[in-house]
Amino acid sequence: MAIPWPFAGAGLASLPKPGAWMIRVKQAFGTLIIASAIYYGYLCYEIFASRSVDTAQVASSANEKLKAGWHASLAEGLALAEREHKPVLIDVWASWCKNCLTMDKTTLQDAGVKTALDGYVKIKFQAEQPDAEAIKSLMQRFHAVGLPAYVILKPKAAALH
């Protein structure tokens, strides 16, 4: 294992002495490092700049859901479900939740899912500030850990106490 070391020591004598060329090598490597930092900074900017949430698009998506038979008020939706003896689907979401928005665009737009949910009273509960007391209590009540959260209630369990 030590065999390469004598050869490395013998080769050191043949290397050029430090001087102006060494300064040029340091400058070249410094330029490469700065160029790499700029490149990776640009990549990070491109990745995270495209992840911003368009609030107008989220608002129009929420309005479309309300037009499609979803209820924005938890109390009104639960009262309707109790009157009509229907099961309830509560969709707990937020405009900053990428998974919530993806579910709205994909799964909840599927024809099979829409058909399956026809017999339900559908409620979109907006949880913009998860630290608010009302949202905390709802999440604890249904043992929801994070967003999106979906809660299905049977007709007798539709009332929150």
N, C-alpha and C. Protein backbone atom coordinates (compact mmCIF):
# COMPACT_ATOMS: atom_id res chain seq x y z
N MET A 1 0.82 -1.19 0.00
CA MET A 1 0.00 0.00 0.00
C MET A 1 0.86 1.26 0.00
N ALA A 2 2.07 1.17 0.47
CA ALA A 2 2.93 2.35 0.55
C ALA A 2 3.79 2.52 -0.70
N ILE A 3 3.69 1.61 -1.65
CA ILE A 3 4.54 1.66 -2.85
C ILE A 3 4.40 2.97 -3.63
N PRO A 4 3.20 3.55 -3.82
CA PRO A 4 3.11 4.78 -4.62
C PRO A 4 3.81 5.99 -4.00
N TRP A 5 4.01 6.02 -2.68
CA TRP A 5 4.56 7.21 -2.04
C TRP A 5 5.99 7.55 -2.47
N PRO A 6 6.88 6.60 -2.61
CA PRO A 6 8.22 6.98 -3.09
C PRO A 6 8.20 7.56 -4.50
N PHE A 7 7.30 7.03 -5.34
CA PHE A 7 7.21 7.58 -6.70
C PHE A 7 6.64 9.00 -6.67
N ALA A 8 5.68 9.24 -5.80
CA ALA A 8 5.13 10.58 -5.68
C ALA A 8 6.19 11.55 -5.19
N GLY A 9 7.00 11.12 -4.23
CA GLY A 9 8.08 11.98 -3.73
C GLY A 9 9.12 12.27 -4.79
N ALA A 10 9.44 11.28 -5.60
CA ALA A 10 10.42 11.48 -6.67
C ALA A 10 9.87 12.42 -7.74
N GLY A 11 8.56 12.38 -7.95
CA GLY A 11 7.95 13.23 -8.98
C GLY A 11 7.85 14.67 -8.56
N LEU A 12 7.89 14.97 -7.27
CA LEU A 12 7.78 16.35 -6.80
C LEU A 12 8.94 17.20 -7.29
N ALA A 13 10.09 16.58 -7.45
CA ALA A 13 11.26 17.34 -7.90
C ALA A 13 11.10 17.82 -9.34
N SER A 14 10.30 17.10 -10.13
CA SER A 14 10.14 17.49 -11.53
C SER A 14 9.05 18.54 -11.74
N LEU A 15 8.26 18.86 -10.72
CA LEU A 15 7.22 19.88 -10.86
C LEU A 15 7.86 21.26 -10.95
N PRO A 16 7.21 22.18 -11.70
CA PRO A 16 7.77 23.53 -11.78
C PRO A 16 7.67 24.25 -10.43
N LYS A 17 8.55 25.19 -10.24
CA LYS A 17 8.57 25.97 -9.00
C LYS A 17 7.40 26.95 -8.98
N PRO A 18 6.86 27.29 -7.77
CA PRO A 18 5.77 28.26 -7.71
C PRO A 18 6.23 29.60 -8.27
N GLY A 19 5.24 30.27 -8.86
CA GLY A 19 5.56 31.57 -9.42
C GLY A 19 4.31 32.18 -10.02
N ALA A 20 4.48 32.94 -11.09
CA ALA A 20 3.36 33.63 -11.73
C ALA A 20 2.33 32.66 -12.29
N TRP A 21 2.79 31.51 -12.79
CA TRP A 21 1.84 30.55 -13.34
C TRP A 21 0.88 30.05 -12.27
N MET A 22 1.33 29.94 -11.02
CA MET A 22 0.48 29.48 -9.92
C MET A 22 -0.63 30.49 -9.64
N ILE A 23 -0.33 31.76 -9.77
CA ILE A 23 -1.35 32.80 -9.59
C ILE A 23 -2.40 32.68 -10.68
N ARG A 24 -1.99 32.41 -11.92
CA ARG A 24 -2.94 32.24 -13.03
C ARG A 24 -3.84 31.02 -12.80
N VAL A 25 -3.28 29.95 -12.28
CA VAL A 25 -4.08 28.75 -11.99
C VAL A 25 -5.11 29.06 -10.91
N LYS A 26 -4.71 29.78 -9.85
CA LYS A 26 -5.65 30.16 -8.79
C LYS A 26 -6.76 31.04 -9.35
N GLN A 27 -6.42 31.97 -10.24
CA GLN A 27 -7.43 32.84 -10.84
C GLN A 27 -8.39 32.04 -11.72
N ALA A 28 -7.86 31.08 -12.46
CA ALA A 28 -8.71 30.25 -13.33
C ALA A 28 -9.70 29.44 -12.49
N PHE A 29 -9.20 28.81 -11.43
CA PHE A 29 -10.09 28.04 -10.57
C PHE A 29 -11.09 28.94 -9.85
N GLY A 30 -10.69 30.11 -9.44
CA GLY A 30 -11.61 31.07 -8.82
C GLY A 30 -12.72 31.47 -9.77
N THR A 31 -12.35 31.70 -11.04
CA THR A 31 -13.35 32.04 -12.06
C THR A 31 -14.33 30.89 -12.25
N LEU A 32 -13.82 29.65 -12.29
CA LEU A 32 -14.71 28.49 -12.42
C LEU A 32 -15.67 28.37 -11.24
N ILE A 33 -15.19 28.63 -10.05
CA ILE A 33 -16.04 28.54 -8.86
C ILE A 33 -17.12 29.62 -8.89
N ILE A 34 -16.76 30.83 -9.25
CA ILE A 34 -17.75 31.92 -9.34
C ILE A 34 -18.77 31.62 -10.43
N ALA A 35 -18.32 31.11 -11.58
CA ALA A 35 -19.24 30.76 -12.67
C ALA A 35 -20.20 29.66 -12.23
N SER A 36 -19.70 28.68 -11.49
CA SER A 36 -20.56 27.60 -10.98
C SER A 36 -21.60 28.15 -10.01
N ALA A 37 -21.19 29.05 -9.14
CA ALA A 37 -22.13 29.65 -8.18
C ALA A 37 -23.22 30.42 -8.91
N ILE A 38 -22.86 31.17 -9.93
CA ILE A 38 -23.86 31.92 -10.71
C ILE A 38 -24.81 30.95 -11.41
N TYR A 39 -24.27 29.91 -12.00
CA TYR A 39 -25.09 28.92 -12.71
C TYR A 39 -26.10 28.26 -11.76
N TYR A 40 -25.62 27.77 -10.61
CA TYR A 40 -26.52 27.10 -9.68
C TYR A 40 -27.49 28.09 -9.02
N GLY A 41 -27.09 29.31 -8.82
CA GLY A 41 -28.02 30.33 -8.34
C GLY A 41 -29.14 30.58 -9.33
N TYR A 42 -28.79 30.63 -10.61
CA TYR A 42 -29.79 30.80 -11.67
C TYR A 42 -30.75 29.61 -11.69
N LEU A 43 -30.21 28.39 -11.57
CA LEU A 43 -31.08 27.20 -11.55
C LEU A 43 -32.06 27.25 -10.38
N CYS A 44 -31.57 27.62 -9.21
CA CYS A 44 -32.46 27.73 -8.04
C CYS A 44 -33.54 28.77 -8.27
N TYR A 45 -33.17 29.89 -8.83
CA TYR A 45 -34.15 30.94 -9.11
C TYR A 45 -35.22 30.42 -10.07
N GLU A 46 -34.82 29.74 -11.13
CA GLU A 46 -35.78 29.21 -12.11
C GLU A 46 -36.73 28.20 -11.47
N ILE A 47 -36.20 27.36 -10.62
CA ILE A 47 -37.03 26.33 -9.98
C ILE A 47 -38.04 26.97 -9.04
N PHE A 48 -37.59 27.87 -8.18
CA PHE A 48 -38.47 28.42 -7.16
C PHE A 48 -39.35 29.55 -7.67
N ALA A 49 -38.95 30.25 -8.71
CA ALA A 49 -39.78 31.32 -9.26
C ALA A 49 -41.03 30.74 -9.91
N SER A 50 -40.93 29.54 -10.48
CA SER A 50 -42.08 28.94 -11.13
C SER A 50 -43.03 28.28 -10.13
N ARG A 51 -42.67 28.24 -8.86
CA ARG A 51 -43.51 27.60 -7.86
C ARG A 51 -44.45 28.57 -7.16
N SER A 52 -44.48 29.80 -7.59
CA SER A 52 -45.35 30.78 -6.94
C SER A 52 -46.81 30.46 -7.23
N VAL A 53 -47.68 30.87 -6.34
CA VAL A 53 -49.10 30.60 -6.47
C VAL A 53 -49.79 31.84 -7.02
N ASP A 54 -50.54 31.67 -8.09
CA ASP A 54 -51.30 32.76 -8.67
C ASP A 54 -52.62 32.86 -7.92
N THR A 55 -52.77 33.89 -7.10
CA THR A 55 -53.96 34.01 -6.25
C THR A 55 -55.23 34.18 -7.06
N ALA A 56 -55.16 34.84 -8.21
CA ALA A 56 -56.35 35.00 -9.05
C ALA A 56 -56.81 33.65 -9.57
N GLN A 57 -55.87 32.80 -9.94
CA GLN A 57 -56.22 31.47 -10.43
C GLN A 57 -56.83 30.63 -9.32
N VAL A 58 -56.30 30.74 -8.11
CA VAL A 58 -56.84 30.00 -6.98
C VAL A 58 -58.26 30.48 -6.67
N ALA A 59 -58.47 31.78 -6.70
CA ALA A 59 -59.81 32.33 -6.43
C ALA A 59 -60.81 31.86 -7.47
N SER A 60 -60.42 31.85 -8.75
CA SER A 60 -61.34 31.39 -9.79
C SER A 60 -61.61 29.90 -9.64
N SER A 61 -60.61 29.13 -9.22
CA SER A 61 -60.80 27.70 -8.99
C SER A 61 -61.79 27.47 -7.85
N ALA A 62 -61.66 28.25 -6.78
CA ALA A 62 -62.58 28.12 -5.65
C ALA A 62 -64.00 28.52 -6.07
N ASN A 63 -64.13 29.57 -6.87
CA ASN A 63 -65.45 29.98 -7.35
C ASN A 63 -66.07 28.92 -8.24
N GLU A 64 -65.26 28.25 -9.06
CA GLU A 64 -65.78 27.17 -9.90
C GLU A 64 -66.32 26.04 -9.04
N LYS A 65 -65.62 25.72 -7.96
CA LYS A 65 -66.08 24.66 -7.06
C LYS A 65 -67.41 25.04 -6.42
N LEU A 66 -67.55 26.30 -6.03
CA LEU A 66 -68.81 26.73 -5.41
C LEU A 66 -69.95 26.64 -6.41
N LYS A 67 -69.67 26.96 -7.67
CA LYS A 67 -70.70 26.85 -8.70
C LYS A 67 -71.04 25.39 -8.98
N ALA A 68 -70.09 24.50 -8.76
CA ALA A 68 -70.29 23.08 -9.05
C ALA A 68 -70.94 22.33 -7.89
N GLY A 69 -71.51 23.03 -6.93
CA GLY A 69 -72.24 22.38 -5.85
C GLY A 69 -71.47 22.24 -4.56
N TRP A 70 -70.31 22.82 -4.45
CA TRP A 70 -69.55 22.80 -3.21
C TRP A 70 -70.01 23.96 -2.33
N HIS A 71 -69.94 23.79 -1.03
CA HIS A 71 -70.34 24.84 -0.08
C HIS A 71 -69.09 25.40 0.58
N ALA A 72 -69.05 26.72 0.74
CA ALA A 72 -67.90 27.37 1.38
C ALA A 72 -68.06 27.42 2.89
N SER A 73 -69.29 27.38 3.37
CA SER A 73 -69.56 27.48 4.80
C SER A 73 -69.71 26.08 5.41
N LEU A 74 -68.91 25.81 6.41
CA LEU A 74 -68.98 24.52 7.09
C LEU A 74 -70.34 24.35 7.77
N ALA A 75 -70.80 25.38 8.46
CA ALA A 75 -72.08 25.30 9.19
C ALA A 75 -73.25 25.07 8.23
N GLU A 76 -73.27 25.82 7.12
CA GLU A 76 -74.37 25.66 6.15
C GLU A 76 -74.35 24.27 5.52
N GLY A 77 -73.16 23.80 5.17
CA GLY A 77 -73.05 22.47 4.56
C GLY A 77 -73.49 21.37 5.50
N LEU A 78 -73.08 21.46 6.77
CA LEU A 78 -73.48 20.44 7.74
C LEU A 78 -74.97 20.50 8.02
N ALA A 79 -75.53 21.70 8.07
CA ALA A 79 -76.98 21.84 8.28
C ALA A 79 -77.75 21.23 7.11
N LEU A 80 -77.29 21.47 5.90
CA LEU A 80 -77.93 20.90 4.71
C LEU A 80 -77.85 19.38 4.74
N ALA A 81 -76.71 18.85 5.10
CA ALA A 81 -76.53 17.40 5.16
C ALA A 81 -77.45 16.78 6.22
N GLU A 82 -77.61 17.48 7.33
CA GLU A 82 -78.48 16.98 8.39
C GLU A 82 -79.95 16.99 7.94
N ARG A 83 -80.35 18.06 7.25
CA ARG A 83 -81.73 18.14 6.74
C ARG A 83 -82.01 17.06 5.70
N GLU A 84 -81.07 16.84 4.80
CA GLU A 84 -81.29 15.91 3.69
C GLU A 84 -80.80 14.49 3.99
N HIS A 85 -80.25 14.28 5.17
CA HIS A 85 -79.71 12.97 5.58
C HIS A 85 -78.74 12.42 4.54
N LYS A 86 -77.78 13.25 4.16
CA LYS A 86 -76.76 12.87 3.18
C LYS A 86 -75.40 12.81 3.86
N PRO A 87 -74.51 11.99 3.33
CA PRO A 87 -73.14 12.01 3.86
C PRO A 87 -72.43 13.30 3.43
N VAL A 88 -71.36 13.63 4.14
CA VAL A 88 -70.65 14.89 3.91
C VAL A 88 -69.20 14.59 3.53
N LEU A 89 -68.70 15.35 2.56
CA LEU A 89 -67.27 15.34 2.25
C LEU A 89 -66.75 16.74 2.55
N ILE A 90 -65.80 16.82 3.49
CA ILE A 90 -65.18 18.11 3.81
C ILE A 90 -63.77 18.10 3.23
N ASP A 91 -63.50 19.04 2.36
CA ASP A 91 -62.18 19.21 1.75
C ASP A 91 -61.51 20.39 2.46
N VAL A 92 -60.52 20.09 3.30
CA VAL A 92 -59.79 21.14 4.02
C VAL A 92 -58.59 21.50 3.16
N TRP A 93 -58.53 22.76 2.73
CA TRP A 93 -57.50 23.17 1.76
C TRP A 93 -57.01 24.57 2.06
N ALA A 94 -55.97 24.99 1.33
CA ALA A 94 -55.44 26.36 1.42
C ALA A 94 -54.85 26.73 0.07
N SER A 95 -54.83 28.01 -0.22
CA SER A 95 -54.32 28.46 -1.52
C SER A 95 -52.82 28.24 -1.66
N TRP A 96 -52.10 28.16 -0.55
CA TRP A 96 -50.65 27.96 -0.60
C TRP A 96 -50.27 26.49 -0.63
N CYS A 97 -51.23 25.60 -0.53
CA CYS A 97 -50.99 24.15 -0.49
C CYS A 97 -50.97 23.59 -1.91
N LYS A 98 -49.77 23.26 -2.40
CA LYS A 98 -49.63 22.75 -3.77
C LYS A 98 -50.39 21.44 -3.97
N ASN A 99 -50.37 20.56 -2.98
CA ASN A 99 -51.08 19.29 -3.12
C ASN A 99 -52.59 19.50 -3.19
N CYS A 100 -53.09 20.49 -2.45
CA CYS A 100 -54.53 20.80 -2.50
C CYS A 100 -54.92 21.24 -3.91
N LEU A 101 -54.11 22.12 -4.49
CA LEU A 101 -54.41 22.63 -5.83
C LEU A 101 -54.28 21.53 -6.87
N THR A 102 -53.32 20.64 -6.70
CA THR A 102 -53.16 19.52 -7.62
C THR A 102 -54.36 18.59 -7.54
N MET A 103 -54.83 18.30 -6.34
CA MET A 103 -56.02 17.45 -6.18
C MET A 103 -57.23 18.09 -6.85
N ASP A 104 -57.37 19.41 -6.73
CA ASP A 104 -58.49 20.11 -7.38
C ASP A 104 -58.43 19.96 -8.89
N LYS A 105 -57.22 20.05 -9.45
CA LYS A 105 -57.06 20.00 -10.90
C LYS A 105 -57.13 18.59 -11.46
N THR A 106 -56.81 17.59 -10.67
CA THR A 106 -56.72 16.22 -11.19
C THR A 106 -57.83 15.33 -10.64
N THR A 107 -57.67 14.87 -9.44
CA THR A 107 -58.58 13.87 -8.88
C THR A 107 -60.01 14.36 -8.79
N LEU A 108 -60.21 15.56 -8.28
CA LEU A 108 -61.59 16.06 -8.12
C LEU A 108 -62.23 16.45 -9.44
N GLN A 109 -61.46 16.49 -10.54
CA GLN A 109 -62.01 16.76 -11.86
C GLN A 109 -62.37 15.48 -12.61
N ASP A 110 -61.94 14.34 -12.09
CA ASP A 110 -62.19 13.05 -12.74
C ASP A 110 -63.69 12.75 -12.75
N ALA A 111 -64.18 12.30 -13.89
CA ALA A 111 -65.62 12.03 -14.04
C ALA A 111 -66.10 10.97 -13.06
N GLY A 112 -65.30 9.94 -12.83
CA GLY A 112 -65.68 8.89 -11.89
C GLY A 112 -65.79 9.40 -10.47
N VAL A 113 -64.86 10.26 -10.10
CA VAL A 113 -64.89 10.84 -8.74
C VAL A 113 -66.10 11.76 -8.60
N LYS A 114 -66.35 12.57 -9.62
CA LYS A 114 -67.52 13.47 -9.56
C LYS A 114 -68.80 12.67 -9.42
N THR A 115 -68.92 11.57 -10.16
CA THR A 115 -70.11 10.72 -10.08
C THR A 115 -70.23 10.11 -8.68
N ALA A 116 -69.12 9.64 -8.14
CA ALA A 116 -69.14 9.02 -6.81
C ALA A 116 -69.54 10.02 -5.72
N LEU A 117 -69.21 11.30 -5.93
CA LEU A 117 -69.51 12.33 -4.93
C LEU A 117 -70.87 12.99 -5.12
N ASP A 118 -71.63 12.55 -6.11
CA ASP A 118 -72.94 13.18 -6.36
C ASP A 118 -73.89 13.07 -5.18
N GLY A 119 -73.83 12.00 -4.42
CA GLY A 119 -74.73 11.83 -3.29
C GLY A 119 -74.26 12.49 -2.01
N TYR A 120 -73.17 13.22 -2.07
CA TYR A 120 -72.59 13.86 -0.89
C TYR A 120 -72.88 15.36 -0.87
N VAL A 121 -72.93 15.91 0.33
CA VAL A 121 -72.88 17.36 0.48
C VAL A 121 -71.39 17.68 0.57
N LYS A 122 -70.92 18.47 -0.38
CA LYS A 122 -69.48 18.74 -0.49
C LYS A 122 -69.17 20.12 0.07
N ILE A 123 -68.20 20.16 0.99
CA ILE A 123 -67.82 21.41 1.65
C ILE A 123 -66.34 21.66 1.41
N LYS A 124 -66.00 22.87 0.95
CA LYS A 124 -64.59 23.28 0.81
C LYS A 124 -64.28 24.20 1.98
N PHE A 125 -63.54 23.70 2.94
CA PHE A 125 -63.18 24.46 4.13
C PHE A 125 -61.79 25.02 3.93
N GLN A 126 -61.69 26.34 3.82
CA GLN A 126 -60.41 26.98 3.54
C GLN A 126 -59.64 27.21 4.84
N ALA A 127 -58.44 26.64 4.90
CA ALA A 127 -57.60 26.71 6.10
C ALA A 127 -56.34 27.50 5.79
N GLU A 128 -56.50 28.76 5.46
CA GLU A 128 -55.35 29.60 5.08
C GLU A 128 -54.35 29.77 6.21
N GLN A 129 -54.84 29.88 7.43
CA GLN A 129 -53.95 30.08 8.59
C GLN A 129 -54.13 28.91 9.55
N PRO A 130 -53.32 27.86 9.39
CA PRO A 130 -53.50 26.66 10.20
C PRO A 130 -53.34 26.87 11.70
N ASP A 131 -52.76 28.00 12.11
CA ASP A 131 -52.60 28.27 13.54
C ASP A 131 -53.83 28.92 14.16
N ALA A 132 -54.82 29.28 13.35
CA ALA A 132 -56.05 29.87 13.88
C ALA A 132 -56.78 28.82 14.71
N GLU A 133 -57.42 29.26 15.78
CA GLU A 133 -58.04 28.33 16.73
C GLU A 133 -59.14 27.47 16.08
N ALA A 134 -59.97 28.07 15.23
CA ALA A 134 -61.05 27.32 14.59
C ALA A 134 -60.50 26.20 13.70
N ILE A 135 -59.44 26.51 12.99
CA ILE A 135 -58.85 25.51 12.09
C ILE A 135 -58.13 24.43 12.90
N LYS A 136 -57.43 24.84 13.95
CA LYS A 136 -56.77 23.86 14.81
C LYS A 136 -57.77 22.87 15.40
N SER A 137 -58.89 23.40 15.89
CA SER A 137 -59.89 22.52 16.52
C SER A 137 -60.51 21.57 15.50
N LEU A 138 -60.75 22.05 14.28
CA LEU A 138 -61.30 21.18 13.23
C LEU A 138 -60.30 20.08 12.88
N MET A 139 -59.04 20.45 12.73
CA MET A 139 -58.01 19.46 12.37
C MET A 139 -57.84 18.43 13.49
N GLN A 140 -57.90 18.88 14.75
CA GLN A 140 -57.78 17.94 15.87
C GLN A 140 -59.01 17.05 15.97
N ARG A 141 -60.17 17.63 15.73
CA ARG A 141 -61.43 16.87 15.81
C ARG A 141 -61.42 15.67 14.88
N PHE A 142 -60.86 15.87 13.68
CA PHE A 142 -60.85 14.80 12.68
C PHE A 142 -59.48 14.13 12.54
N HIS A 143 -58.58 14.40 13.47
CA HIS A 143 -57.25 13.78 13.50
C HIS A 143 -56.50 14.00 12.19
N ALA A 144 -56.64 15.18 11.62
CA ALA A 144 -55.94 15.53 10.39
C ALA A 144 -54.59 16.13 10.75
N VAL A 145 -53.55 15.67 10.10
CA VAL A 145 -52.20 16.11 10.42
C VAL A 145 -51.79 17.31 9.57
N GLY A 146 -52.18 17.32 8.31
CA GLY A 146 -51.78 18.39 7.41
C GLY A 146 -52.76 18.54 6.27
N LEU A 147 -52.39 19.40 5.34
CA LEU A 147 -53.25 19.65 4.19
C LEU A 147 -52.70 18.95 2.96
N PRO A 148 -53.55 18.54 2.07
CA PRO A 148 -55.01 18.56 2.12
C PRO A 148 -55.54 17.49 3.07
N ALA A 149 -56.69 17.75 3.62
CA ALA A 149 -57.35 16.78 4.49
C ALA A 149 -58.76 16.58 3.97
N TYR A 150 -59.18 15.34 3.90
CA TYR A 150 -60.52 15.02 3.43
C TYR A 150 -61.23 14.25 4.53
N VAL A 151 -62.43 14.71 4.88
CA VAL A 151 -63.20 14.09 5.95
C VAL A 151 -64.53 13.66 5.37
N ILE A 152 -64.91 12.41 5.62
CA ILE A 152 -66.22 11.92 5.19
C ILE A 152 -67.02 11.62 6.45
N LEU A 153 -68.19 12.21 6.53
CA LEU A 153 -69.07 12.02 7.68
C LEU A 153 -70.34 11.33 7.23
N LYS A 154 -70.80 10.39 8.04
CA LYS A 154 -72.07 9.72 7.77
C LYS A 154 -73.19 10.66 8.20
N PRO A 155 -74.41 10.45 7.73
CA PRO A 155 -75.50 11.38 8.06
C PRO A 155 -75.69 11.64 9.55
N LYS A 156 -75.58 10.64 10.41
CA LYS A 156 -75.80 10.87 11.84
C LYS A 156 -74.63 11.61 12.48
N ALA A 157 -73.43 11.52 11.89
CA ALA A 157 -72.25 12.16 12.48
C ALA A 157 -71.97 13.52 11.86
N ALA A 158 -72.92 14.05 11.12
CA ALA A 158 -72.67 15.29 10.38
C ALA A 158 -72.59 16.51 11.28
N ALA A 159 -73.16 16.45 12.47
CA ALA A 159 -73.14 17.63 13.34
C ALA A 159 -71.85 17.66 14.16
N LEU A 160 -71.19 18.80 14.17
CA LEU A 160 -69.98 18.98 14.97
C LEU A 160 -70.38 19.42 16.38
N HIS A 161 -69.82 18.79 17.38
CA HIS A 161 -70.09 19.18 18.78
C HIS A 161 -68.79 19.42 19.47
